[in-house]
N, C-alpha and C. Protein backbone atom coordinates (compact mmCIF):
# COMPACT_ATOMS: atom_id res chain seq x y z
N MET A 1 231.27 74.03 11.84
CA MET A 1 229.88 73.91 12.22
C MET A 1 229.44 75.24 12.83
N HIS A 2 228.23 75.60 12.52
CA HIS A 2 227.63 76.82 13.04
C HIS A 2 226.45 76.41 13.91
N PHE A 3 226.54 76.74 15.20
CA PHE A 3 225.47 76.42 16.14
C PHE A 3 224.66 77.68 16.41
N ILE A 4 223.34 77.53 16.31
CA ILE A 4 222.43 78.66 16.50
C ILE A 4 221.38 78.28 17.53
N THR A 5 221.20 79.16 18.50
CA THR A 5 220.18 78.94 19.52
C THR A 5 219.44 80.24 19.76
N GLY A 6 218.44 80.16 20.59
CA GLY A 6 217.60 81.31 20.95
C GLY A 6 216.25 80.80 21.38
N GLY A 7 215.43 81.68 21.83
CA GLY A 7 214.11 81.29 22.32
C GLY A 7 213.20 80.79 21.22
N ALA A 8 212.14 80.11 21.63
CA ALA A 8 211.14 79.63 20.68
C ALA A 8 210.50 80.83 19.97
N PHE A 9 210.30 80.69 18.69
CA PHE A 9 209.64 81.72 17.88
C PHE A 9 210.37 83.05 17.92
N ASN A 10 211.70 83.01 17.98
CA ASN A 10 212.50 84.24 18.01
C ASN A 10 213.22 84.51 16.69
N GLY A 11 212.91 83.74 15.64
CA GLY A 11 213.43 84.05 14.32
C GLY A 11 214.66 83.26 13.90
N LYS A 12 214.95 82.16 14.57
CA LYS A 12 216.13 81.36 14.21
C LYS A 12 216.03 80.83 12.79
N ARG A 13 214.90 80.22 12.46
CA ARG A 13 214.71 79.65 11.12
C ARG A 13 214.83 80.72 10.04
N LYS A 14 214.16 81.83 10.24
CA LYS A 14 214.21 82.91 9.25
C LYS A 14 215.64 83.43 9.09
N TRP A 15 216.35 83.59 10.20
CA TRP A 15 217.73 84.08 10.14
C TRP A 15 218.61 83.12 9.34
N VAL A 16 218.47 81.83 9.61
CA VAL A 16 219.27 80.83 8.89
C VAL A 16 218.91 80.84 7.41
N LYS A 17 217.63 80.91 7.09
CA LYS A 17 217.23 80.94 5.68
C LYS A 17 217.80 82.17 4.97
N ASN A 18 217.86 83.29 5.65
CA ASN A 18 218.42 84.51 5.05
C ASN A 18 219.93 84.41 4.85
N HIS A 19 220.60 83.62 5.67
CA HIS A 19 222.07 83.54 5.60
C HIS A 19 222.60 82.33 4.85
N TYR A 20 221.82 81.28 4.74
CA TYR A 20 222.36 80.04 4.17
C TYR A 20 221.61 79.48 2.97
N THR A 21 220.40 79.85 2.76
CA THR A 21 219.66 79.15 1.71
C THR A 21 219.68 79.88 0.38
N LYS A 22 220.63 80.79 0.22
CA LYS A 22 220.80 81.39 -1.10
C LYS A 22 221.21 80.31 -2.09
N ASP A 23 221.97 79.35 -1.60
CA ASP A 23 222.32 78.16 -2.38
C ASP A 23 221.42 77.03 -1.90
N HIS A 24 221.36 75.98 -2.68
CA HIS A 24 220.56 74.82 -2.30
C HIS A 24 221.14 74.19 -1.02
N CYS A 25 220.27 73.80 -0.12
CA CYS A 25 220.74 73.13 1.09
C CYS A 25 219.79 72.00 1.45
N LEU A 26 220.29 71.08 2.26
CA LEU A 26 219.47 70.00 2.79
C LEU A 26 219.02 70.46 4.17
N TRP A 27 217.70 70.55 4.36
CA TRP A 27 217.13 71.04 5.62
C TRP A 27 216.39 69.88 6.28
N LEU A 28 216.92 69.42 7.41
CA LEU A 28 216.28 68.36 8.17
C LEU A 28 215.73 68.94 9.46
N SER A 29 214.47 68.67 9.73
CA SER A 29 213.81 69.29 10.88
C SER A 29 213.12 68.25 11.75
N ALA A 30 213.39 68.32 13.05
CA ALA A 30 212.69 67.45 14.00
C ALA A 30 211.20 67.79 14.01
N TYR A 31 210.88 69.05 13.69
CA TYR A 31 209.48 69.47 13.68
C TYR A 31 208.70 68.85 12.53
N ASP A 32 209.44 68.36 11.52
CA ASP A 32 208.81 67.68 10.38
C ASP A 32 209.00 66.17 10.47
N SER A 33 209.43 65.68 11.63
CA SER A 33 209.68 64.25 11.88
C SER A 33 210.83 63.68 11.08
N ASP A 34 211.76 64.53 10.63
CA ASP A 34 212.96 64.03 9.97
C ASP A 34 213.86 63.35 11.00
N MET A 35 214.70 62.46 10.53
CA MET A 35 215.63 61.75 11.41
C MET A 35 216.91 62.56 11.59
N LEU A 36 217.48 62.52 12.80
CA LEU A 36 218.74 63.21 13.08
C LEU A 36 219.92 62.45 12.51
N SER A 37 219.88 61.14 12.61
CA SER A 37 221.02 60.35 12.15
C SER A 37 221.22 60.54 10.65
N LYS A 38 222.48 60.53 10.25
CA LYS A 38 222.81 60.76 8.85
C LYS A 38 222.29 59.60 8.00
N GLN A 39 221.48 59.93 7.05
CA GLN A 39 220.92 58.95 6.13
C GLN A 39 221.67 59.03 4.81
N PHE A 40 221.46 58.06 3.97
CA PHE A 40 222.07 58.08 2.65
C PHE A 40 221.23 58.98 1.74
N TYR A 41 221.87 59.94 1.13
CA TYR A 41 221.24 60.79 0.14
C TYR A 41 222.12 60.71 -1.11
N GLU A 42 221.49 60.64 -2.28
CA GLU A 42 222.27 60.55 -3.52
C GLU A 42 223.24 61.71 -3.63
N THR A 43 222.75 62.89 -3.40
CA THR A 43 223.62 64.06 -3.39
C THR A 43 223.26 64.90 -2.17
N ILE A 44 224.28 65.31 -1.47
CA ILE A 44 224.08 66.20 -0.34
C ILE A 44 224.67 67.54 -0.73
N PRO A 45 223.86 68.59 -0.71
CA PRO A 45 224.39 69.91 -1.06
C PRO A 45 225.45 70.36 -0.04
N ALA A 46 226.10 71.46 -0.33
CA ALA A 46 227.22 71.93 0.49
C ALA A 46 226.78 72.43 1.87
N VAL A 47 225.50 72.72 2.04
CA VAL A 47 225.00 73.20 3.33
C VAL A 47 223.92 72.24 3.82
N VAL A 48 224.09 71.79 5.07
CA VAL A 48 223.08 70.95 5.73
C VAL A 48 222.64 71.67 6.99
N VAL A 49 221.33 71.81 7.16
CA VAL A 49 220.76 72.43 8.35
C VAL A 49 220.01 71.36 9.13
N LEU A 50 220.36 71.24 10.41
CA LEU A 50 219.65 70.35 11.33
C LEU A 50 218.88 71.24 12.29
N GLU A 51 217.56 71.21 12.19
CA GLU A 51 216.71 72.11 12.98
C GLU A 51 215.90 71.34 14.01
N GLY A 52 215.85 71.89 15.22
CA GLY A 52 215.03 71.28 16.27
C GLY A 52 215.78 70.29 17.12
N LEU A 53 217.06 70.55 17.36
CA LEU A 53 217.88 69.60 18.12
C LEU A 53 217.24 69.24 19.45
N GLU A 54 216.63 70.21 20.11
CA GLU A 54 216.00 69.92 21.42
C GLU A 54 214.90 68.87 21.29
N GLN A 55 214.20 68.84 20.16
CA GLN A 55 213.15 67.85 19.95
C GLN A 55 213.73 66.46 19.69
N TRP A 56 214.82 66.39 18.93
CA TRP A 56 215.47 65.10 18.73
C TRP A 56 215.97 64.56 20.07
N ILE A 57 216.50 65.44 20.90
CA ILE A 57 216.98 65.02 22.23
C ILE A 57 215.80 64.50 23.05
N TYR A 58 214.68 65.19 23.01
CA TYR A 58 213.51 64.79 23.80
C TYR A 58 213.05 63.36 23.45
N THR A 59 213.11 63.03 22.17
CA THR A 59 212.66 61.69 21.76
C THR A 59 213.61 60.59 22.27
N GLU A 60 214.83 60.97 22.63
CA GLU A 60 215.83 60.00 23.10
C GLU A 60 215.85 59.83 24.61
N ILE A 61 215.18 60.69 25.35
CA ILE A 61 215.26 60.69 26.81
C ILE A 61 214.67 59.40 27.37
N ASP A 62 215.46 58.76 28.23
CA ASP A 62 215.05 57.54 28.93
C ASP A 62 215.53 57.67 30.38
N SER A 63 214.60 57.90 31.29
CA SER A 63 214.94 58.13 32.69
C SER A 63 215.69 56.96 33.33
N ALA A 64 215.64 55.79 32.71
CA ALA A 64 216.31 54.62 33.28
C ALA A 64 217.81 54.60 32.95
N LEU A 65 218.23 55.38 31.96
CA LEU A 65 219.63 55.39 31.55
C LEU A 65 220.38 56.55 32.20
N PRO A 66 221.67 56.36 32.48
CA PRO A 66 222.45 57.47 33.03
C PRO A 66 222.51 58.64 32.04
N PRO A 67 222.45 59.88 32.54
CA PRO A 67 222.46 61.05 31.65
C PRO A 67 223.67 61.11 30.72
N ASP A 68 224.85 60.71 31.21
CA ASP A 68 226.04 60.80 30.36
C ASP A 68 225.96 59.85 29.18
N ILE A 69 225.30 58.71 29.35
CA ILE A 69 225.11 57.76 28.24
C ILE A 69 224.17 58.37 27.20
N GLN A 70 223.11 59.02 27.67
CA GLN A 70 222.16 59.63 26.75
C GLN A 70 222.78 60.82 26.01
N ARG A 71 223.57 61.59 26.73
CA ARG A 71 224.28 62.72 26.13
C ARG A 71 225.18 62.23 25.00
N GLN A 72 225.94 61.18 25.27
CA GLN A 72 226.86 60.65 24.27
C GLN A 72 226.11 60.04 23.09
N SER A 73 224.96 59.45 23.35
CA SER A 73 224.15 58.88 22.28
C SER A 73 223.72 59.95 21.27
N ILE A 74 223.32 61.10 21.77
CA ILE A 74 222.94 62.21 20.88
C ILE A 74 224.15 62.68 20.09
N LEU A 75 225.27 62.85 20.77
CA LEU A 75 226.48 63.31 20.08
C LEU A 75 226.93 62.30 19.03
N ASN A 76 226.73 61.01 19.31
CA ASN A 76 227.08 59.97 18.33
C ASN A 76 226.23 60.08 17.06
N GLN A 77 225.02 60.59 17.19
CA GLN A 77 224.17 60.77 16.01
C GLN A 77 224.57 62.01 15.21
N ILE A 78 225.17 62.98 15.88
CA ILE A 78 225.60 64.21 15.21
C ILE A 78 226.98 64.04 14.59
N ASN A 79 227.82 63.19 15.17
CA ASN A 79 229.20 63.02 14.70
C ASN A 79 229.33 62.69 13.22
N PRO A 80 228.50 61.83 12.63
CA PRO A 80 228.65 61.60 11.18
C PRO A 80 228.45 62.88 10.35
N TRP A 81 227.58 63.76 10.81
CA TRP A 81 227.39 65.03 10.11
C TRP A 81 228.63 65.90 10.26
N LEU A 82 229.24 65.90 11.45
CA LEU A 82 230.46 66.68 11.65
C LEU A 82 231.59 66.14 10.77
N LYS A 83 231.69 64.82 10.67
CA LYS A 83 232.71 64.22 9.80
C LYS A 83 232.44 64.56 8.34
N TRP A 84 231.17 64.54 7.94
CA TRP A 84 230.81 64.92 6.58
C TRP A 84 231.29 66.34 6.28
N GLU A 85 231.04 67.26 7.22
CA GLU A 85 231.46 68.65 7.02
C GLU A 85 232.98 68.76 6.94
N GLN A 86 233.70 68.07 7.81
CA GLN A 86 235.16 68.16 7.87
C GLN A 86 235.84 67.54 6.66
N ALA A 87 235.14 66.70 5.93
CA ALA A 87 235.73 66.03 4.76
C ALA A 87 235.93 66.97 3.57
N ASP A 88 235.30 68.13 3.59
CA ASP A 88 235.40 69.07 2.46
C ASP A 88 235.23 70.49 3.00
N SER A 89 236.19 71.35 2.75
CA SER A 89 236.16 72.71 3.29
C SER A 89 235.02 73.56 2.74
N HIS A 90 234.36 73.11 1.68
CA HIS A 90 233.24 73.85 1.11
C HIS A 90 231.91 73.49 1.79
N ARG A 91 231.93 72.51 2.66
CA ARG A 91 230.71 72.07 3.33
C ARG A 91 230.48 72.85 4.62
N LYS A 92 229.20 73.02 4.96
CA LYS A 92 228.85 73.72 6.18
C LYS A 92 227.68 73.01 6.85
N LEU A 93 227.85 72.68 8.12
CA LEU A 93 226.78 72.10 8.94
C LEU A 93 226.26 73.20 9.85
N VAL A 94 224.96 73.41 9.81
CA VAL A 94 224.29 74.41 10.64
C VAL A 94 223.32 73.66 11.55
N ILE A 95 223.47 73.85 12.86
CA ILE A 95 222.60 73.18 13.83
C ILE A 95 221.81 74.24 14.58
N ILE A 96 220.49 74.07 14.60
CA ILE A 96 219.60 74.99 15.29
C ILE A 96 218.97 74.27 16.48
N GLY A 97 219.12 74.84 17.66
CA GLY A 97 218.51 74.26 18.85
C GLY A 97 217.87 75.34 19.69
N THR A 98 216.61 75.18 20.03
CA THR A 98 215.91 76.17 20.85
C THR A 98 216.42 76.13 22.28
N ASP A 99 216.60 77.31 22.85
CA ASP A 99 217.02 77.44 24.25
C ASP A 99 215.84 77.09 25.14
N ILE A 100 215.97 76.01 25.91
CA ILE A 100 214.90 75.59 26.83
C ILE A 100 215.35 75.73 28.28
N SER A 101 216.40 76.52 28.52
CA SER A 101 216.97 76.62 29.86
C SER A 101 216.34 77.72 30.70
N LYS A 102 215.54 78.56 30.12
CA LYS A 102 214.95 79.68 30.85
C LYS A 102 213.63 79.24 31.50
N GLY A 103 213.21 79.99 32.47
CA GLY A 103 211.91 79.73 33.08
C GLY A 103 211.98 78.79 34.26
N ILE A 104 210.84 78.28 34.63
CA ILE A 104 210.70 77.41 35.80
C ILE A 104 211.23 76.02 35.49
N VAL A 105 211.98 75.47 36.42
CA VAL A 105 212.49 74.10 36.26
C VAL A 105 211.30 73.15 36.34
N PRO A 106 211.18 72.25 35.35
CA PRO A 106 210.02 71.33 35.33
C PRO A 106 209.98 70.42 36.56
N ILE A 107 208.80 70.11 37.02
CA ILE A 107 208.61 69.17 38.13
C ILE A 107 208.82 67.74 37.64
N ASP A 108 208.37 67.47 36.42
CA ASP A 108 208.47 66.14 35.84
C ASP A 108 209.94 65.73 35.65
N LYS A 109 210.30 64.56 36.17
CA LYS A 109 211.69 64.09 36.12
C LYS A 109 212.22 64.00 34.69
N ARG A 110 211.40 63.46 33.79
CA ARG A 110 211.83 63.29 32.40
C ARG A 110 212.11 64.64 31.74
N LYS A 111 211.27 65.63 32.00
CA LYS A 111 211.48 66.95 31.41
C LYS A 111 212.68 67.66 32.02
N ARG A 112 212.94 67.44 33.30
CA ARG A 112 214.16 68.00 33.91
C ARG A 112 215.40 67.39 33.28
N LEU A 113 215.35 66.07 33.08
CA LEU A 113 216.46 65.36 32.46
C LEU A 113 216.66 65.87 31.03
N TRP A 114 215.58 66.07 30.30
CA TRP A 114 215.65 66.62 28.94
C TRP A 114 216.34 67.98 28.94
N ARG A 115 215.93 68.84 29.86
CA ARG A 115 216.52 70.18 29.96
C ARG A 115 218.02 70.09 30.26
N ASP A 116 218.40 69.21 31.18
CA ASP A 116 219.81 69.05 31.54
C ASP A 116 220.64 68.53 30.37
N ILE A 117 220.17 67.44 29.76
CA ILE A 117 220.92 66.83 28.66
C ILE A 117 221.02 67.80 27.48
N THR A 118 219.95 68.50 27.21
CA THR A 118 219.97 69.48 26.12
C THR A 118 221.04 70.54 26.38
N GLY A 119 221.10 71.05 27.58
CA GLY A 119 222.12 72.04 27.93
C GLY A 119 223.53 71.50 27.78
N TRP A 120 223.75 70.26 28.21
CA TRP A 120 225.09 69.66 28.09
C TRP A 120 225.47 69.44 26.63
N VAL A 121 224.52 68.96 25.82
CA VAL A 121 224.80 68.74 24.40
C VAL A 121 225.10 70.07 23.71
N TYR A 122 224.34 71.11 24.03
CA TYR A 122 224.60 72.42 23.45
C TYR A 122 226.01 72.89 23.82
N GLN A 123 226.42 72.69 25.07
CA GLN A 123 227.77 73.07 25.48
C GLN A 123 228.82 72.31 24.67
N ASP A 124 228.60 71.01 24.50
CA ASP A 124 229.53 70.18 23.72
C ASP A 124 229.65 70.70 22.29
N LEU A 125 228.52 71.05 21.70
CA LEU A 125 228.52 71.50 20.31
C LEU A 125 229.16 72.88 20.16
N VAL A 126 228.91 73.77 21.10
CA VAL A 126 229.51 75.10 21.03
C VAL A 126 231.03 74.99 21.13
N LYS A 127 231.53 74.06 21.93
CA LYS A 127 232.98 73.86 22.01
C LYS A 127 233.55 73.48 20.65
N GLN A 128 232.82 72.69 19.87
CA GLN A 128 233.29 72.22 18.57
C GLN A 128 232.99 73.20 17.44
N ALA A 129 232.07 74.12 17.67
CA ALA A 129 231.61 75.02 16.61
C ALA A 129 232.67 76.04 16.23
N GLU A 130 232.67 76.39 14.95
CA GLU A 130 233.48 77.51 14.48
C GLU A 130 232.78 78.82 14.81
N ARG A 131 231.46 78.76 14.81
CA ARG A 131 230.67 79.96 15.11
C ARG A 131 229.44 79.55 15.90
N ALA A 132 229.05 80.40 16.84
CA ALA A 132 227.81 80.19 17.60
C ALA A 132 227.10 81.53 17.73
N ASP A 133 225.81 81.51 17.47
CA ASP A 133 225.00 82.72 17.56
C ASP A 133 223.75 82.45 18.39
N VAL A 134 223.32 83.49 19.08
CA VAL A 134 222.03 83.50 19.76
C VAL A 134 221.15 84.45 18.97
N ILE A 135 219.95 83.99 18.64
CA ILE A 135 218.98 84.82 17.91
C ILE A 135 217.85 85.17 18.87
N TRP A 136 217.70 86.44 19.13
CA TRP A 136 216.61 86.94 19.97
C TRP A 136 215.85 87.98 19.16
N TYR A 137 214.56 87.76 18.98
CA TYR A 137 213.70 88.71 18.28
C TYR A 137 214.23 89.03 16.88
N GLY A 138 214.81 88.02 16.24
CA GLY A 138 215.29 88.16 14.88
C GLY A 138 216.69 88.75 14.73
N MET A 139 217.30 89.12 15.84
CA MET A 139 218.63 89.73 15.79
C MET A 139 219.66 88.76 16.36
N GLU A 140 220.80 88.65 15.65
CA GLU A 140 221.81 87.71 16.13
C GLU A 140 222.83 88.40 17.02
N GLN A 141 223.31 87.61 17.97
CA GLN A 141 224.44 88.01 18.79
C GLN A 141 225.45 86.88 18.67
N THR A 142 226.58 87.16 18.06
CA THR A 142 227.61 86.14 17.90
C THR A 142 228.31 85.96 19.24
N ILE A 143 228.31 84.73 19.73
CA ILE A 143 228.96 84.45 21.01
C ILE A 143 230.27 83.69 20.82
N LYS A 144 230.51 83.20 19.60
CA LYS A 144 231.78 82.54 19.28
C LYS A 144 232.01 82.65 17.78
N ARG A 145 233.25 82.97 17.42
CA ARG A 145 233.60 83.04 16.01
C ARG A 145 235.09 82.73 15.89
N GLU A 146 235.42 81.53 15.37
CA GLU A 146 236.82 81.16 15.19
C GLU A 146 237.30 81.52 13.81
N ARG A 147 236.67 80.98 12.81
CA ARG A 147 236.95 81.34 11.43
C ARG A 147 235.65 81.11 10.67
N PHE A 148 235.39 81.98 9.74
CA PHE A 148 234.11 81.85 9.05
C PHE A 148 234.18 82.59 7.75
């Protein structure tokens, strides 16, 4: 799995398209109201891109539930995609999540919880990733590379 993060409007989508969409890929985006959970597709190409992870997390935030339960719920939705990738060495899962950790901490409890859970989920995913990059102003900085 390749995890990509960076600021809003810093070129993450363009960078991924330049590196992965030379071949056909399945692109699912929270910004287009696509679902995060793995759906049935007749054919899934070798590359799947999940874009807007922070938005999928936001839709799941429930201030009444413990944060660790919500964190695990998000990871449970990503796990089928990770298993899909691991089932064939030719498959690649690319996850794009905007960095929302910079700036002023929100006053609103729900938005603070969103920021916290998003950071924890990103940490969990980077631990599992073969590669992790930060894209700032269209330029990548590789922060993890195991094999690629």
